[in-house]
Amino acid sequence: MALLPILTAPDPQLKKISAPVKEVDASVRKLMDDMLETMYQAPGIGLAAPQVGVLKRVIVLDIAREGEEPQPLRIANPEIVWVSDDDATYNEGCLSVPEHYADVVRPAACRIKYLDQDNKQREIAAEGMLATCLQHEIDHLDGILFIDHLTALKRNIILRKLLKAKKAAAEAAM
């Protein structure tokens, strides 16, 4: 396994739409494993392939809390097939938007159809944190960041801060 570099906003790669995988083969499984290792190291609870510069419809997540047994999910070609009428608000963060958090309103529950690591068609019903995390990661596959759910003013403030931090890091590296 290998740690992958995580892209941060406003990297234009994060705004692109990902292509479906034809099948979950050895190369996709390796990507999933590398993404999980990267996510755990970061640390985070979800990671989408575009965040590591790969425009494929692949996500990984694990919402197990500290001290709990890890419960990694490896998902390819996720498709939301149902969402609840009820909404839930979670304070979201993102490895591609470091050190910034905001309340985001999303459907409280959802059902997702996907391919697992063995290339088997699966469906998962999710609510609470799992539903939020799945929707957040699927957004990445469509070039959407959680800050795109915020007002333009809040989004622009965060993007300006991220750009300033990137410039400062680049100057410090010289």
Protein backbone atom coordinates (compact mmCIF):
# COMPACT_ATOMS: atom_id res chain seq x y z
CA MET A 1 0.00 0.00 0.00
CA ALA A 2 1.05 3.58 -0.52
CA LEU A 3 0.18 6.98 0.83
CA LEU A 4 -1.25 9.24 -1.85
CA PRO A 5 -1.03 13.05 -1.97
CA ILE A 6 -4.35 14.74 -1.14
CA LEU A 7 -5.30 17.67 -3.38
CA THR A 8 -6.63 20.78 -1.67
CA ALA A 9 -9.05 23.43 -2.89
CA PRO A 10 -8.98 25.42 -5.07
CA ASP A 11 -7.20 22.75 -7.18
CA PRO A 12 -9.16 22.58 -10.49
CA GLN A 13 -8.92 18.76 -10.52
CA LEU A 14 -11.41 18.72 -7.60
CA LYS A 15 -14.09 20.32 -9.81
CA LYS A 16 -14.00 17.64 -12.52
CA ILE A 17 -16.52 14.82 -12.95
CA SER A 18 -15.18 11.29 -12.46
CA ALA A 19 -15.65 8.41 -14.89
CA PRO A 20 -17.24 5.11 -13.84
CA VAL A 21 -14.94 2.11 -13.45
CA LYS A 22 -15.62 -0.75 -15.90
CA GLU A 23 -15.07 -3.33 -13.17
CA VAL A 24 -13.43 -3.60 -9.78
CA ASP A 25 -10.22 -5.37 -10.75
CA ALA A 26 -6.81 -5.62 -9.06
CA SER A 27 -5.85 -2.04 -10.00
CA VAL A 28 -9.10 -0.59 -8.57
CA ARG A 29 -8.68 -2.70 -5.40
CA LYS A 30 -5.13 -1.35 -5.02
CA LEU A 31 -6.45 2.19 -5.44
CA MET A 32 -9.09 1.49 -2.76
CA ASP A 33 -6.45 0.10 -0.37
CA ASP A 34 -4.10 3.04 -0.99
CA MET A 35 -6.98 5.46 -0.47
CA LEU A 36 -7.91 3.80 2.84
CA GLU A 37 -4.32 3.98 4.06
CA THR A 38 -4.16 7.66 3.03
CA MET A 39 -7.51 8.41 4.70
CA TYR A 40 -6.53 6.73 7.99
CA GLN A 41 -3.16 8.53 8.00
CA ALA A 42 -4.70 11.97 7.30
CA PRO A 43 -6.83 11.26 9.53
CA GLY A 44 -10.29 11.31 7.96
CA ILE A 45 -13.48 9.27 7.71
CA GLY A 46 -13.94 9.37 3.93
CA LEU A 47 -11.95 9.90 0.76
CA ALA A 48 -12.91 10.06 -2.91
CA ALA A 49 -10.54 9.20 -5.77
CA PRO A 50 -10.58 12.76 -7.23
CA GLN A 51 -9.09 13.97 -3.94
CA VAL A 52 -5.96 11.95 -4.75
CA GLY A 53 -5.92 13.03 -8.40
CA VAL A 54 -7.69 9.98 -9.86
CA LEU A 55 -10.86 10.78 -11.82
CA LYS A 56 -12.61 7.45 -11.17
CA ARG A 57 -15.91 6.88 -9.35
CA VAL A 58 -14.30 5.29 -6.28
CA ILE A 59 -14.79 6.20 -2.63
CA VAL A 60 -13.70 4.73 0.68
CA LEU A 61 -14.95 5.50 4.16
CA ASP A 62 -14.91 4.32 7.73
CA ILE A 63 -17.03 6.07 10.32
CA ALA A 64 -15.96 3.82 13.22
CA ARG A 65 -15.06 5.96 16.19
CA GLU A 66 -11.71 5.83 17.96
CA GLY A 67 -11.45 2.62 19.96
CA GLU A 68 -13.99 0.82 17.78
CA GLU A 69 -13.10 -1.93 15.33
CA PRO A 70 -12.44 -0.40 11.87
CA GLN A 71 -15.33 -0.87 9.41
CA PRO A 72 -13.90 0.22 6.05
CA LEU A 73 -16.23 0.49 3.06
CA ARG A 74 -14.74 0.22 -0.45
CA ILE A 75 -17.21 1.53 -3.02
CA ALA A 76 -17.07 1.89 -6.80
CA ASN A 77 -19.66 3.56 -9.03
CA PRO A 78 -21.93 4.66 -6.17
CA GLU A 79 -25.38 5.78 -7.22
CA ILE A 80 -27.93 7.36 -4.92
CA VAL A 81 -31.20 5.51 -5.58
CA TRP A 82 -33.30 7.09 -2.81
CA VAL A 83 -33.13 9.95 -0.31
CA SER A 84 -35.43 10.74 2.59
CA ASP A 85 -37.66 13.78 2.68
CA ASP A 86 -36.22 14.63 6.12
CA ASP A 87 -33.03 16.64 6.29
CA ALA A 88 -30.16 16.54 8.76
CA THR A 89 -27.48 19.12 9.46
CA TYR A 90 -23.91 18.03 10.19
CA ASN A 91 -20.81 20.09 10.77
CA GLU A 92 -18.72 18.85 7.84
CA GLY A 93 -15.04 19.05 7.14
CA CYS A 94 -12.95 17.71 4.28
CA LEU A 95 -9.37 16.58 3.74
CA SER A 96 -9.36 18.75 0.58
CA VAL A 97 -10.56 21.80 2.55
CA PRO A 98 -8.20 21.53 5.53
CA GLU A 99 -9.03 23.19 8.84
CA HIS A 100 -12.41 24.50 7.68
CA TYR A 101 -15.80 23.25 8.89
CA ALA A 102 -19.37 24.31 8.25
CA ASP A 103 -22.92 23.11 8.80
CA VAL A 104 -24.31 21.41 5.69
CA VAL A 105 -27.92 20.30 5.23
CA ARG A 106 -28.41 16.99 3.40
CA PRO A 107 -31.09 14.29 3.30
CA ALA A 108 -31.09 12.45 6.66
CA ALA A 109 -31.15 9.01 5.04
CA CYS A 110 -30.30 7.51 1.66
CA ARG A 111 -29.91 4.27 -0.22
CA ILE A 112 -26.85 3.71 -2.40
CA LYS A 113 -26.27 1.13 -5.14
CA TYR A 114 -22.60 0.30 -5.81
CA LEU A 115 -19.92 -2.25 -6.69
CA ASP A 116 -17.91 -3.62 -3.77
CA GLN A 117 -14.23 -4.62 -3.75
CA ASP A 118 -15.18 -8.02 -5.20
CA ASN A 119 -17.03 -6.42 -8.15
CA LYS A 120 -20.38 -7.52 -6.66
CA GLN A 121 -23.44 -5.27 -7.00
CA ARG A 122 -24.54 -4.14 -3.52
CA GLU A 123 -27.01 -1.74 -1.96
CA ILE A 124 -26.69 -0.02 1.39
CA ALA A 125 -29.30 1.90 3.36
CA ALA A 126 -27.77 4.63 5.49
CA GLU A 127 -28.84 7.27 7.95
CA GLY A 128 -27.10 9.73 10.24
CA MET A 129 -23.35 10.12 9.90
CA LEU A 130 -23.04 7.30 7.34
CA ALA A 131 -25.65 8.90 5.06
CA THR A 132 -23.92 12.27 5.33
CA CYS A 133 -20.49 10.79 4.65
CA LEU A 134 -21.71 8.81 1.62
CA GLN A 135 -23.38 11.88 0.12
CA HIS A 136 -20.31 14.04 0.83
CA GLU A 137 -17.97 11.56 -0.92
CA ILE A 138 -20.34 11.01 -3.87
CA ASP A 139 -20.43 14.81 -4.31
CA HIS A 140 -16.64 14.69 -4.87
CA LEU A 141 -17.19 12.34 -7.82
CA ASP A 142 -19.33 15.05 -9.42
CA GLY A 143 -16.85 17.87 -8.76
CA ILE A 144 -18.77 19.21 -5.75
CA LEU A 145 -17.11 20.18 -2.46
CA PHE A 146 -19.02 20.62 0.79
CA ILE A 147 -18.31 24.35 0.60
CA ASP A 148 -20.38 24.45 -2.61
CA HIS A 149 -23.42 23.89 -0.35
CA LEU A 150 -22.65 27.14 1.52
CA THR A 151 -23.50 30.70 0.62
CA ALA A 152 -21.21 32.32 -1.94
CA LEU A 153 -19.86 34.65 0.75
CA LYS A 154 -18.86 31.83 3.13
CA ARG A 155 -17.43 29.73 0.28
CA ASN A 156 -15.33 32.61 -1.07
CA ILE A 157 -13.95 33.44 2.39
CA ILE A 158 -12.81 29.82 2.83
CA LEU A 159 -11.32 29.64 -0.68
CA ARG A 160 -9.39 32.88 -0.15
CA LYS A 161 -7.97 31.52 3.11
CA LEU A 162 -6.95 28.26 1.41
CA LEU A 163 -5.28 30.12 -1.46
CA LYS A 164 -3.40 32.34 1.01
CA ALA A 165 -2.23 29.26 2.95
CA LYS A 166 -1.05 27.57 -0.29
CA LYS A 167 0.94 30.67 -1.28
CA ALA A 168 2.51 30.90 2.18
CA ALA A 169 3.48 27.21 2.07
CA ALA A 170 5.01 27.62 -1.41
CA GLU A 171 7.03 30.64 -0.27
CA ALA A 172 8.22 28.82 2.84
CA ALA A 173 9.40 25.91 0.70
CA MET A 174 11.68 28.18 -1.35
